[in-house]
């Protein structure tokens, strides 16, 4: 093994610390030949992703994480995960718009809360973005997350750590920075034990 390969191998073994002393190849004593700083960014391990565990075990792990973390909820960037979450994790899906369709005029906050009581997955959230309703949607979801694990399907676009809905200039336009949210992005899978999403954790 050449000198450069020996040095590289030693760096990999020592990765994760702030700095390391490299000894001459072939010996543990003597004067160090170099002292270098090795950052986690340079020698970091691959991030833990959703497919590091099988399905539905990864799903149960996600629910446990959400249940133990105050205010943290999950957002789905597309609604094609809903059936898998409902069937495989036995979660109750509440289509909020349909649940409030019989309201005379804009539903009250009490009616919205009542409609969400048993929800594990919330979808059809466009109703919460009606200006007349006056409910801050992300704060509402965080409040729901204090009571139980909650996963919501965002009805617009999620990009650059921001949740967006509608177009600028429209009364229902929404553009807000996300914080302490688990973002689930659906992925194509071939086998039933593959995790059907990738995870992005957006920290405060």
N, C-alpha and C. Protein backbone atom coordinates (compact mmCIF):
# COMPACT_ATOMS: atom_id res chain seq x y z
N UNK A 1 0.85 -1.20 0.00
CA UNK A 1 0.00 0.00 0.00
C UNK A 1 0.88 1.24 0.00
N UNK A 2 0.65 2.19 -0.91
CA UNK A 2 1.43 3.41 -1.00
C UNK A 2 1.17 4.33 0.17
N UNK A 3 2.07 5.33 0.32
CA UNK A 3 1.96 6.26 1.44
C UNK A 3 0.63 7.02 1.44
N UNK A 4 0.21 7.52 0.26
CA UNK A 4 -1.02 8.29 0.21
C UNK A 4 -2.22 7.44 0.58
N UNK A 5 -2.22 6.17 0.17
CA UNK A 5 -3.33 5.30 0.51
C UNK A 5 -3.35 5.01 2.00
N UNK A 6 -2.16 4.88 2.64
CA UNK A 6 -2.11 4.66 4.08
C UNK A 6 -2.66 5.85 4.83
N UNK A 7 -2.27 7.04 4.41
CA UNK A 7 -2.75 8.25 5.06
C UNK A 7 -4.26 8.37 4.92
N UNK A 8 -4.77 8.09 3.70
CA UNK A 8 -6.21 8.17 3.47
C UNK A 8 -6.96 7.18 4.35
N UNK A 9 -6.44 5.96 4.47
CA UNK A 9 -7.08 4.94 5.28
C UNK A 9 -7.13 5.36 6.74
N UNK A 10 -6.06 5.98 7.22
CA UNK A 10 -6.05 6.42 8.61
C UNK A 10 -7.04 7.56 8.84
N UNK A 11 -7.14 8.45 7.87
CA UNK A 11 -8.10 9.54 7.99
C UNK A 11 -9.52 9.01 8.10
N UNK A 12 -9.85 8.01 7.29
CA UNK A 12 -11.19 7.44 7.30
C UNK A 12 -11.50 6.82 8.66
N UNK A 13 -10.52 6.16 9.27
CA UNK A 13 -10.75 5.55 10.57
C UNK A 13 -10.98 6.60 11.65
N UNK A 14 -10.35 7.73 11.47
CA UNK A 14 -10.43 8.78 12.49
C UNK A 14 -11.52 9.79 12.24
N UNK A 15 -12.26 9.64 11.14
CA UNK A 15 -13.27 10.63 10.79
C UNK A 15 -14.31 10.78 11.89
N UNK A 16 -14.76 12.03 12.09
CA UNK A 16 -15.75 12.30 13.11
C UNK A 16 -15.20 13.10 14.27
N UNK A 17 -13.84 13.15 14.40
CA UNK A 17 -13.23 13.97 15.43
C UNK A 17 -12.85 15.33 14.85
N UNK A 18 -12.44 16.24 15.72
CA UNK A 18 -12.12 17.59 15.26
C UNK A 18 -10.76 17.63 14.57
N UNK A 19 -9.74 16.92 15.13
CA UNK A 19 -8.42 16.93 14.51
C UNK A 19 -7.70 15.65 14.88
N UNK A 20 -6.70 15.30 14.10
CA UNK A 20 -6.03 14.03 14.29
C UNK A 20 -4.53 14.18 14.05
N UNK A 21 -3.75 13.34 14.70
CA UNK A 21 -2.32 13.28 14.45
C UNK A 21 -2.04 12.02 13.66
N UNK A 22 -1.38 12.15 12.51
CA UNK A 22 -1.05 11.01 11.68
C UNK A 22 0.38 10.59 11.96
N UNK A 23 0.57 9.32 12.28
CA UNK A 23 1.90 8.81 12.57
C UNK A 23 2.54 8.25 11.31
N UNK A 24 3.83 8.09 11.31
CA UNK A 24 4.48 7.55 10.11
C UNK A 24 3.94 6.18 9.78
N UNK A 25 3.80 5.87 8.50
CA UNK A 25 3.33 4.54 8.11
C UNK A 25 4.17 3.44 8.73
N UNK A 26 3.50 2.43 9.26
CA UNK A 26 4.20 1.27 9.78
C UNK A 26 4.61 1.38 11.23
N UNK A 27 4.31 2.47 11.91
CA UNK A 27 4.72 2.59 13.29
C UNK A 27 3.78 3.43 14.11
N UNK A 28 3.76 3.21 15.43
CA UNK A 28 2.90 3.96 16.32
C UNK A 28 3.69 4.92 17.20
N UNK A 29 5.00 4.91 17.06
CA UNK A 29 5.83 5.79 17.87
C UNK A 29 6.62 6.69 16.95
N UNK A 30 7.32 7.62 17.58
CA UNK A 30 8.11 8.54 16.76
C UNK A 30 7.40 9.85 16.60
N UNK A 31 8.04 10.75 15.93
CA UNK A 31 7.49 12.09 15.73
C UNK A 31 6.40 12.08 14.67
N UNK A 32 5.25 12.72 14.94
CA UNK A 32 4.20 12.76 13.91
C UNK A 32 4.68 13.44 12.65
N UNK A 33 4.25 12.90 11.53
CA UNK A 33 4.65 13.49 10.25
C UNK A 33 3.70 14.60 9.83
N UNK A 34 2.47 14.60 10.35
CA UNK A 34 1.53 15.64 9.95
C UNK A 34 0.41 15.74 10.96
N UNK A 35 -0.16 16.92 11.05
CA UNK A 35 -1.36 17.12 11.87
C UNK A 35 -2.36 17.86 11.02
N UNK A 36 -3.52 17.28 10.83
CA UNK A 36 -4.50 17.87 9.94
C UNK A 36 -5.84 17.95 10.64
N UNK A 37 -6.67 18.88 10.17
CA UNK A 37 -8.04 18.99 10.67
C UNK A 37 -8.95 18.27 9.69
N UNK A 38 -9.73 17.35 10.19
CA UNK A 38 -10.66 16.60 9.35
C UNK A 38 -12.06 16.91 9.83
N UNK A 39 -12.83 17.58 9.03
CA UNK A 39 -14.17 17.94 9.44
C UNK A 39 -15.15 16.85 9.07
N UNK A 40 -16.29 16.87 9.74
CA UNK A 40 -17.34 15.90 9.43
C UNK A 40 -17.79 16.07 8.00
N UNK A 41 -17.78 17.29 7.50
CA UNK A 41 -18.21 17.54 6.12
C UNK A 41 -17.31 16.82 5.14
N UNK A 42 -16.01 16.72 5.46
CA UNK A 42 -15.07 16.09 4.54
C UNK A 42 -15.17 14.58 4.55
N UNK A 43 -15.42 14.00 5.73
CA UNK A 43 -15.44 12.55 5.85
C UNK A 43 -16.72 12.07 6.50
N UNK A 44 -17.81 12.70 6.16
CA UNK A 44 -19.07 12.32 6.78
C UNK A 44 -19.60 11.02 6.19
N UNK A 45 -20.36 10.32 7.00
CA UNK A 45 -21.03 9.12 6.53
C UNK A 45 -22.25 9.52 5.71
N UNK A 46 -22.72 8.67 4.82
CA UNK A 46 -23.95 9.00 4.09
C UNK A 46 -25.09 9.22 5.05
N UNK A 47 -25.97 10.22 4.79
CA UNK A 47 -27.09 10.48 5.70
C UNK A 47 -28.03 9.29 5.77
N UNK A 48 -28.63 9.11 6.94
CA UNK A 48 -29.61 8.04 7.10
C UNK A 48 -30.85 8.40 6.31
N UNK A 49 -31.25 7.57 5.42
CA UNK A 49 -32.40 7.87 4.58
C UNK A 49 -33.53 6.90 4.89
N UNK A 50 -34.66 7.18 4.28
CA UNK A 50 -35.85 6.39 4.60
C UNK A 50 -35.67 4.93 4.28
N UNK A 51 -34.95 4.62 3.19
CA UNK A 51 -34.87 3.24 2.77
C UNK A 51 -33.77 2.45 3.49
N UNK A 52 -33.25 3.00 4.63
CA UNK A 52 -32.30 2.25 5.43
C UNK A 52 -33.02 1.21 6.29
N UNK A 53 -34.34 1.28 6.36
CA UNK A 53 -35.15 0.29 7.06
C UNK A 53 -36.24 -0.18 6.12
N UNK A 54 -36.79 -1.33 6.42
CA UNK A 54 -37.83 -1.87 5.55
C UNK A 54 -39.18 -1.25 5.89
N UNK A 55 -40.10 -1.38 4.97
CA UNK A 55 -41.46 -0.90 5.15
C UNK A 55 -42.33 -2.05 5.62
N UNK A 56 -43.23 -1.90 6.59
CA UNK A 56 -43.64 -0.62 7.19
C UNK A 56 -42.88 -0.22 8.45
N UNK A 57 -41.78 -0.92 8.77
CA UNK A 57 -41.03 -0.58 9.98
C UNK A 57 -40.60 0.88 9.98
N UNK A 58 -40.15 1.38 8.83
CA UNK A 58 -39.74 2.78 8.74
C UNK A 58 -40.91 3.72 9.02
N UNK A 59 -42.10 3.32 8.59
CA UNK A 59 -43.28 4.13 8.84
C UNK A 59 -43.62 4.21 10.32
N UNK A 60 -43.51 3.08 11.02
CA UNK A 60 -43.75 3.10 12.46
C UNK A 60 -42.71 3.96 13.17
N UNK A 61 -41.48 3.90 12.68
CA UNK A 61 -40.44 4.74 13.26
C UNK A 61 -40.72 6.22 13.07
N UNK A 62 -41.24 6.57 11.89
CA UNK A 62 -41.61 7.97 11.63
C UNK A 62 -42.71 8.42 12.58
N UNK A 63 -43.72 7.60 12.77
CA UNK A 63 -44.82 7.96 13.67
C UNK A 63 -44.33 8.13 15.10
N UNK A 64 -43.40 7.27 15.53
CA UNK A 64 -42.85 7.38 16.88
C UNK A 64 -42.07 8.69 17.02
N UNK A 65 -41.33 9.06 15.99
CA UNK A 65 -40.60 10.32 16.03
C UNK A 65 -41.54 11.51 16.15
N UNK A 66 -42.60 11.50 15.35
CA UNK A 66 -43.55 12.61 15.38
C UNK A 66 -44.28 12.68 16.72
N UNK A 67 -44.61 11.53 17.27
CA UNK A 67 -45.34 11.50 18.54
C UNK A 67 -44.50 12.02 19.70
N UNK A 68 -43.18 11.85 19.61
CA UNK A 68 -42.31 12.25 20.72
C UNK A 68 -41.79 13.67 20.59
N UNK A 69 -41.95 14.28 19.43
CA UNK A 69 -41.40 15.62 19.19
C UNK A 69 -42.53 16.65 19.19
N UNK A 70 -42.55 17.53 20.15
CA UNK A 70 -43.60 18.53 20.28
C UNK A 70 -43.59 19.45 19.07
N UNK A 71 -44.75 19.67 18.51
CA UNK A 71 -44.98 20.60 17.39
C UNK A 71 -44.51 20.07 16.03
N UNK A 72 -43.77 18.98 15.98
CA UNK A 72 -43.24 18.51 14.69
C UNK A 72 -44.29 17.67 13.97
N UNK A 73 -44.48 17.96 12.71
CA UNK A 73 -45.41 17.21 11.88
C UNK A 73 -44.74 16.88 10.56
N UNK A 74 -45.39 16.05 9.77
CA UNK A 74 -44.84 15.66 8.47
C UNK A 74 -45.72 16.25 7.37
N UNK A 75 -45.07 16.68 6.31
CA UNK A 75 -45.77 17.15 5.12
C UNK A 75 -45.41 16.24 3.95
N UNK A 76 -46.42 15.89 3.17
CA UNK A 76 -46.21 15.11 1.96
C UNK A 76 -46.24 16.06 0.78
N UNK A 77 -45.26 15.94 -0.08
CA UNK A 77 -45.18 16.84 -1.23
C UNK A 77 -46.12 16.43 -2.35
N UNK A 78 -46.77 15.29 -2.23
CA UNK A 78 -47.75 14.84 -3.24
C UNK A 78 -48.68 13.85 -2.55
N UNK A 79 -49.89 13.71 -3.09
CA UNK A 79 -50.90 12.91 -2.38
C UNK A 79 -50.85 11.42 -2.69
N UNK A 80 -49.91 10.96 -3.51
CA UNK A 80 -49.93 9.55 -3.88
C UNK A 80 -49.42 8.62 -2.77
N UNK A 81 -48.99 9.18 -1.65
CA UNK A 81 -48.59 8.36 -0.51
C UNK A 81 -49.76 8.02 0.42
N UNK A 82 -50.86 8.71 0.25
CA UNK A 82 -51.95 8.61 1.22
C UNK A 82 -52.45 7.19 1.38
N UNK A 83 -52.67 6.50 0.28
CA UNK A 83 -53.22 5.13 0.36
C UNK A 83 -52.26 4.20 1.08
N UNK A 84 -50.96 4.32 0.81
CA UNK A 84 -49.99 3.46 1.49
C UNK A 84 -49.97 3.72 2.99
N UNK A 85 -50.01 4.97 3.37
CA UNK A 85 -50.01 5.32 4.79
C UNK A 85 -51.27 4.80 5.48
N UNK A 86 -52.39 4.95 4.82
CA UNK A 86 -53.65 4.50 5.39
C UNK A 86 -53.69 2.98 5.54
N UNK A 87 -53.32 2.28 4.48
CA UNK A 87 -53.42 0.82 4.47
C UNK A 87 -52.36 0.16 5.32
N UNK A 88 -51.10 0.55 5.13
CA UNK A 88 -49.99 -0.15 5.77
C UNK A 88 -49.78 0.26 7.21
N UNK A 89 -50.11 1.51 7.57
CA UNK A 89 -49.89 1.98 8.93
C UNK A 89 -51.20 2.14 9.70
N UNK A 90 -52.31 1.80 9.04
CA UNK A 90 -53.63 1.85 9.68
C UNK A 90 -53.95 3.25 10.21
N UNK A 91 -53.68 4.25 9.38
CA UNK A 91 -53.95 5.64 9.77
C UNK A 91 -55.29 6.11 9.20
N UNK A 92 -56.00 6.87 9.98
CA UNK A 92 -57.26 7.45 9.52
C UNK A 92 -56.98 8.67 8.66
N UNK A 93 -57.55 8.67 7.47
CA UNK A 93 -57.38 9.80 6.54
C UNK A 93 -58.61 10.69 6.63
N UNK A 94 -58.41 11.97 6.84
CA UNK A 94 -59.49 12.94 6.86
C UNK A 94 -59.32 13.89 5.68
N UNK A 95 -60.30 13.90 4.79
CA UNK A 95 -60.32 14.85 3.67
C UNK A 95 -61.03 16.10 4.18
N UNK A 96 -60.24 17.07 4.57
CA UNK A 96 -60.79 18.19 5.34
C UNK A 96 -61.84 18.98 4.57
N UNK A 97 -61.57 19.24 3.30
CA UNK A 97 -62.54 19.99 2.51
C UNK A 97 -63.88 19.30 2.45
N UNK A 98 -63.87 17.99 2.22
CA UNK A 98 -65.11 17.22 2.16
C UNK A 98 -65.79 17.18 3.52
N UNK A 99 -65.00 17.09 4.59
CA UNK A 99 -65.58 17.01 5.93
C UNK A 99 -66.28 18.31 6.32
N UNK A 100 -65.85 19.42 5.72
CA UNK A 100 -66.44 20.72 6.07
C UNK A 100 -67.36 21.25 4.98
N UNK A 101 -67.66 20.42 4.00
CA UNK A 101 -68.43 20.89 2.84
C UNK A 101 -69.84 21.34 3.20
N UNK A 102 -70.41 20.80 4.26
CA UNK A 102 -71.79 21.15 4.62
C UNK A 102 -71.89 22.41 5.48
N UNK A 103 -70.75 23.04 5.77
CA UNK A 103 -70.78 24.25 6.59
C UNK A 103 -71.48 25.38 5.85
N UNK A 104 -72.25 26.13 6.57
CA UNK A 104 -72.89 27.31 6.01
C UNK A 104 -71.93 28.49 6.15
N UNK A 105 -71.31 28.86 5.05
CA UNK A 105 -70.29 29.91 5.11
C UNK A 105 -68.97 29.33 5.57
N UNK A 106 -67.98 30.18 5.82
CA UNK A 106 -66.67 29.70 6.27
C UNK A 106 -66.81 28.94 7.59
N UNK A 107 -66.23 27.75 7.69
CA UNK A 107 -66.33 26.99 8.94
C UNK A 107 -65.57 27.69 10.07
N UNK A 108 -66.04 27.51 11.28
CA UNK A 108 -65.37 28.08 12.44
C UNK A 108 -64.14 27.25 12.79
N UNK A 109 -63.27 27.81 13.61
CA UNK A 109 -62.09 27.07 14.04
C UNK A 109 -62.51 25.83 14.83
N UNK A 110 -63.62 25.93 15.58
CA UNK A 110 -64.12 24.77 16.32
C UNK A 110 -64.55 23.65 15.40
N UNK A 111 -65.21 24.01 14.29
CA UNK A 111 -65.62 22.99 13.32
C UNK A 111 -64.41 22.32 12.67
N UNK A 112 -63.39 23.11 12.38
CA UNK A 112 -62.18 22.55 11.77
C UNK A 112 -61.50 21.60 12.75
N UNK A 113 -61.38 22.02 14.00
CA UNK A 113 -60.77 21.17 15.03
C UNK A 113 -61.53 19.86 15.18
N UNK A 114 -62.85 19.95 15.19
CA UNK A 114 -63.68 18.75 15.36
C UNK A 114 -63.51 17.79 14.19
N UNK A 115 -63.37 18.33 12.98
CA UNK A 115 -63.20 17.49 11.79
C UNK A 115 -61.87 16.75 11.80
N UNK A 116 -60.88 17.29 12.50
CA UNK A 116 -59.53 16.70 12.51
C UNK A 116 -59.30 15.75 13.68
N UNK A 117 -60.30 15.54 14.52
CA UNK A 117 -60.10 14.84 15.78
C UNK A 117 -59.40 13.49 15.64
N UNK A 118 -59.83 12.67 14.69
CA UNK A 118 -59.28 11.32 14.57
C UNK A 118 -58.24 11.19 13.46
N UNK A 119 -57.80 12.29 12.91
CA UNK A 119 -56.94 12.23 11.72
C UNK A 119 -55.53 11.77 12.06
N UNK A 120 -55.03 10.83 11.25
CA UNK A 120 -53.61 10.49 11.24
C UNK A 120 -52.97 11.13 10.02
N UNK A 121 -53.79 11.24 8.96
CA UNK A 121 -53.36 11.90 7.72
C UNK A 121 -54.42 12.92 7.35
N UNK A 122 -53.99 14.14 7.11
CA UNK A 122 -54.89 15.21 6.69
C UNK A 122 -54.63 15.54 5.23
N UNK A 123 -55.69 15.56 4.45
CA UNK A 123 -55.57 15.94 3.05
C UNK A 123 -56.69 16.90 2.69
N UNK A 124 -56.65 17.41 1.44
CA UNK A 124 -57.66 18.38 1.00
C UNK A 124 -57.64 19.62 1.90
N UNK A 125 -56.44 20.19 2.07
CA UNK A 125 -56.25 21.30 3.00
C UNK A 125 -56.50 22.67 2.37
N UNK A 126 -56.91 22.70 1.13
CA UNK A 126 -57.15 23.99 0.47
C UNK A 126 -58.08 24.89 1.28
N UNK A 127 -59.02 24.27 1.98
CA UNK A 127 -60.00 25.04 2.75
C UNK A 127 -59.32 25.90 3.81
N UNK A 128 -58.19 25.43 4.36
CA UNK A 128 -57.51 26.19 5.40
C UNK A 128 -56.78 27.41 4.84
N UNK A 129 -56.70 27.49 3.53
CA UNK A 129 -56.02 28.62 2.90
C UNK A 129 -56.99 29.68 2.40
N UNK A 130 -58.27 29.51 2.69
CA UNK A 130 -59.25 30.55 2.38
C UNK A 130 -58.96 31.76 3.26
N UNK A 131 -58.78 32.94 2.67
CA UNK A 131 -58.52 34.13 3.49
C UNK A 131 -59.63 34.40 4.52
N UNK A 132 -60.88 34.07 4.16
CA UNK A 132 -62.00 34.34 5.07
C UNK A 132 -61.93 33.47 6.32
N UNK A 133 -61.22 32.36 6.24
CA UNK A 133 -61.17 31.46 7.39
C UNK A 133 -60.28 32.01 8.50
N UNK A 134 -59.20 32.64 8.11
CA UNK A 134 -58.32 33.28 9.11
C UNK A 134 -57.57 32.31 10.01
N UNK A 135 -57.28 31.10 9.52
CA UNK A 135 -56.53 30.12 10.30
C UNK A 135 -55.12 30.00 9.72
N UNK A 136 -54.08 30.32 10.49
CA UNK A 136 -52.70 30.14 10.00
C UNK A 136 -52.39 28.65 9.88
N UNK A 137 -52.29 28.17 8.67
CA UNK A 137 -52.29 26.73 8.44
C UNK A 137 -51.12 26.00 9.09
N UNK A 138 -49.91 26.53 9.01
CA UNK A 138 -48.77 25.83 9.59
C UNK A 138 -48.85 25.81 11.12
N UNK A 139 -49.31 26.89 11.71
CA UNK A 139 -49.51 26.90 13.16
C UNK A 139 -50.60 25.92 13.57
N UNK A 140 -51.62 25.82 12.74
CA UNK A 140 -52.70 24.88 13.00
C UNK A 140 -52.17 23.44 13.00
N UNK A 141 -51.33 23.11 12.03
CA UNK A 141 -50.76 21.76 11.96
C UNK A 141 -49.84 21.49 13.15
N UNK A 142 -49.07 22.48 13.54
CA UNK A 142 -48.20 22.31 14.71
C UNK A 142 -49.03 22.07 15.97
N UNK A 143 -50.14 22.75 16.07
CA UNK A 143 -51.02 22.55 17.21
C UNK A 143 -51.61 21.14 17.22
N UNK A 144 -51.97 20.64 16.04
CA UNK A 144 -52.47 19.27 15.95
C UNK A 144 -51.38 18.27 16.35
N UNK A 145 -50.13 18.59 16.00
CA UNK A 145 -49.01 17.69 16.28
C UNK A 145 -48.72 17.58 17.76
N UNK A 146 -49.16 18.53 18.57
CA UNK A 146 -48.96 18.44 20.01
C UNK A 146 -49.81 17.33 20.62
N UNK A 147 -50.85 16.92 19.91
CA UNK A 147 -51.79 15.95 20.45
C UNK A 147 -51.50 14.52 19.97
N UNK A 148 -50.98 14.42 18.76
CA UNK A 148 -50.73 13.09 18.18
C UNK A 148 -49.84 13.26 16.96
N UNK A 149 -49.31 12.15 16.47
CA UNK A 149 -48.54 12.19 15.23
C UNK A 149 -49.47 12.57 14.08
N UNK A 150 -49.06 13.54 13.29
CA UNK A 150 -49.91 14.01 12.20
C UNK A 150 -49.09 14.15 10.92
N UNK A 151 -49.67 13.69 9.83
CA UNK A 151 -49.08 13.81 8.51
C UNK A 151 -50.09 14.53 7.63
N UNK A 152 -49.64 15.56 6.93
CA UNK A 152 -50.55 16.36 6.11
C UNK A 152 -50.05 16.42 4.67
N UNK A 153 -50.99 16.42 3.75
CA UNK A 153 -50.66 16.56 2.32
C UNK A 153 -50.73 18.04 1.96
N UNK A 154 -49.59 18.61 1.61
CA UNK A 154 -49.59 20.03 1.25
C UNK A 154 -50.21 20.20 -0.14
N UNK A 155 -51.18 21.11 -0.28
CA UNK A 155 -51.89 21.22 -1.57
C UNK A 155 -51.17 22.03 -2.63
N UNK A 156 -50.06 22.64 -2.27
CA UNK A 156 -49.32 23.44 -3.25
C UNK A 156 -47.94 22.88 -3.50
N UNK A 157 -46.95 23.74 -3.51
CA UNK A 157 -45.56 23.37 -3.82
C UNK A 157 -44.70 23.54 -2.58
N UNK A 158 -43.75 22.62 -2.41
CA UNK A 158 -42.75 22.75 -1.35
C UNK A 158 -41.39 22.76 -2.02
N UNK A 159 -40.67 23.85 -1.86
CA UNK A 159 -39.35 24.00 -2.46
C UNK A 159 -38.55 25.02 -1.67
N UNK A 160 -37.25 24.82 -1.59
CA UNK A 160 -36.36 25.75 -0.90
C UNK A 160 -36.81 26.00 0.54
N UNK A 161 -37.31 24.92 1.18
CA UNK A 161 -37.75 25.00 2.58
C UNK A 161 -38.91 25.97 2.77
N UNK A 162 -39.71 26.15 1.75
CA UNK A 162 -40.88 27.02 1.84
C UNK A 162 -42.11 26.28 1.32
N UNK A 163 -43.23 26.55 1.96
CA UNK A 163 -44.51 26.00 1.52
C UNK A 163 -45.25 27.10 0.76
N UNK A 164 -45.61 26.79 -0.48
CA UNK A 164 -46.26 27.79 -1.32
C UNK A 164 -47.60 27.26 -1.83
N UNK A 165 -48.49 28.21 -2.08
CA UNK A 165 -49.81 27.86 -2.59
C UNK A 165 -50.32 29.01 -3.44
N UNK A 166 -50.96 28.66 -4.56
CA UNK A 166 -51.56 29.64 -5.47
C UNK A 166 -50.48 30.56 -6.06
N UNK A 167 -50.91 31.66 -6.64
CA UNK A 167 -50.00 32.56 -7.36
C UNK A 167 -49.98 33.94 -6.70
N UNK A 168 -48.85 34.62 -6.76
CA UNK A 168 -48.79 35.98 -6.21
C UNK A 168 -49.88 36.87 -6.81
N UNK A 169 -50.49 37.66 -5.96
CA UNK A 169 -51.55 38.55 -6.40
C UNK A 169 -52.94 37.99 -6.17
N UNK A 170 -53.06 36.67 -6.02
CA UNK A 170 -54.36 36.07 -5.73
C UNK A 170 -54.65 36.15 -4.24
N UNK A 171 -55.91 36.23 -3.85
CA UNK A 171 -56.22 36.37 -2.41
C UNK A 171 -55.82 35.16 -1.58
N UNK A 172 -55.71 33.98 -2.21
CA UNK A 172 -55.34 32.79 -1.45
C UNK A 172 -53.85 32.45 -1.57
N UNK A 173 -53.06 33.39 -2.07
CA UNK A 173 -51.62 33.14 -2.21
C UNK A 173 -50.98 32.94 -0.83
N UNK A 174 -50.08 31.96 -0.77
CA UNK A 174 -49.42 31.63 0.50
C UNK A 174 -47.96 31.29 0.21
N UNK A 175 -47.05 31.83 1.03
CA UNK A 175 -45.62 31.55 0.87
C UNK A 175 -44.98 31.72 2.24
N UNK A 176 -44.64 30.60 2.87
CA UNK A 176 -44.15 30.65 4.25
C UNK A 176 -42.97 29.70 4.43
N UNK A 177 -41.99 30.13 5.21
CA UNK A 177 -40.84 29.29 5.52
C UNK A 177 -41.26 28.17 6.46
N UNK A 178 -40.73 26.97 6.21
CA UNK A 178 -41.02 25.81 7.07
C UNK A 178 -39.98 25.70 8.17
N UNK A 179 -40.41 25.17 9.32
CA UNK A 179 -39.50 24.97 10.44
C UNK A 179 -39.94 23.77 11.25
N UNK A 180 -39.00 22.92 11.60
CA UNK A 180 -39.26 21.71 12.39
C UNK A 180 -40.33 20.85 11.74
N UNK A 181 -40.09 20.51 10.49
CA UNK A 181 -41.04 19.73 9.69
C UNK A 181 -40.29 18.56 9.07
N UNK A 182 -40.96 17.41 9.00
CA UNK A 182 -40.42 16.26 8.27
C UNK A 182 -41.11 16.22 6.91
N UNK A 183 -40.34 16.38 5.88
CA UNK A 183 -40.89 16.40 4.52
C UNK A 183 -40.74 15.02 3.89
N UNK A 184 -41.85 14.49 3.39
CA UNK A 184 -41.85 13.17 2.73
C UNK A 184 -42.05 13.38 1.24
N UNK A 185 -41.08 12.92 0.48
CA UNK A 185 -41.18 13.02 -0.98
C UNK A 185 -41.39 11.62 -1.55
N UNK A 186 -42.52 11.37 -2.19
CA UNK A 186 -42.81 10.03 -2.72
C UNK A 186 -41.73 9.55 -3.68
N UNK A 187 -41.46 8.28 -3.63
CA UNK A 187 -40.49 7.68 -4.55
C UNK A 187 -41.08 6.41 -5.13
N UNK A 188 -40.66 6.06 -6.31
CA UNK A 188 -41.13 4.85 -6.97
C UNK A 188 -40.42 3.64 -6.38
N UNK A 189 -41.18 2.62 -6.01
CA UNK A 189 -40.61 1.41 -5.44
C UNK A 189 -41.06 0.20 -6.27
N UNK A 190 -40.28 -0.86 -6.19
CA UNK A 190 -40.59 -2.08 -6.93
C UNK A 190 -41.15 -3.17 -6.04
N UNK A 191 -40.80 -3.12 -4.75
CA UNK A 191 -41.19 -4.20 -3.85
C UNK A 191 -41.97 -3.63 -2.66
N UNK A 192 -42.87 -4.41 -2.09
CA UNK A 192 -43.73 -3.89 -1.01
C UNK A 192 -42.99 -3.54 0.27
N UNK A 193 -41.77 -4.07 0.47
CA UNK A 193 -41.04 -3.74 1.69
C UNK A 193 -40.10 -2.56 1.51
N UNK A 194 -40.13 -1.93 0.36
CA UNK A 194 -39.34 -0.72 0.14
C UNK A 194 -40.10 0.50 0.68
N UNK A 195 -39.38 1.42 1.29
CA UNK A 195 -40.00 2.62 1.83
C UNK A 195 -40.44 3.51 0.66
N UNK A 196 -41.70 3.92 0.63
CA UNK A 196 -42.22 4.64 -0.54
C UNK A 196 -41.96 6.15 -0.54
N UNK A 197 -41.02 6.60 0.25
CA UNK A 197 -40.71 8.03 0.27
C UNK A 197 -39.27 8.25 0.71
N UNK A 198 -38.74 9.41 0.36
CA UNK A 198 -37.49 9.91 0.89
C UNK A 198 -37.81 10.98 1.90
N UNK A 199 -36.96 11.10 2.91
CA UNK A 199 -37.19 12.05 4.00
C UNK A 199 -36.24 13.22 3.92
N UNK A 200 -36.78 14.41 4.12
CA UNK A 200 -35.98 15.61 4.33
C UNK A 200 -36.44 16.24 5.65
N UNK A 201 -35.53 16.40 6.59
CA UNK A 201 -35.88 17.01 7.86
C UNK A 201 -35.49 18.49 7.83
N UNK A 202 -36.48 19.32 8.00
CA UNK A 202 -36.26 20.77 8.00
C UNK A 202 -36.22 21.23 9.45
N UNK A 203 -35.04 21.58 9.92
CA UNK A 203 -34.86 21.92 11.32
C UNK A 203 -35.22 23.38 11.59
N UNK A 204 -35.48 23.70 12.86
CA UNK A 204 -35.84 25.09 13.20
C UNK A 204 -34.72 26.07 12.87
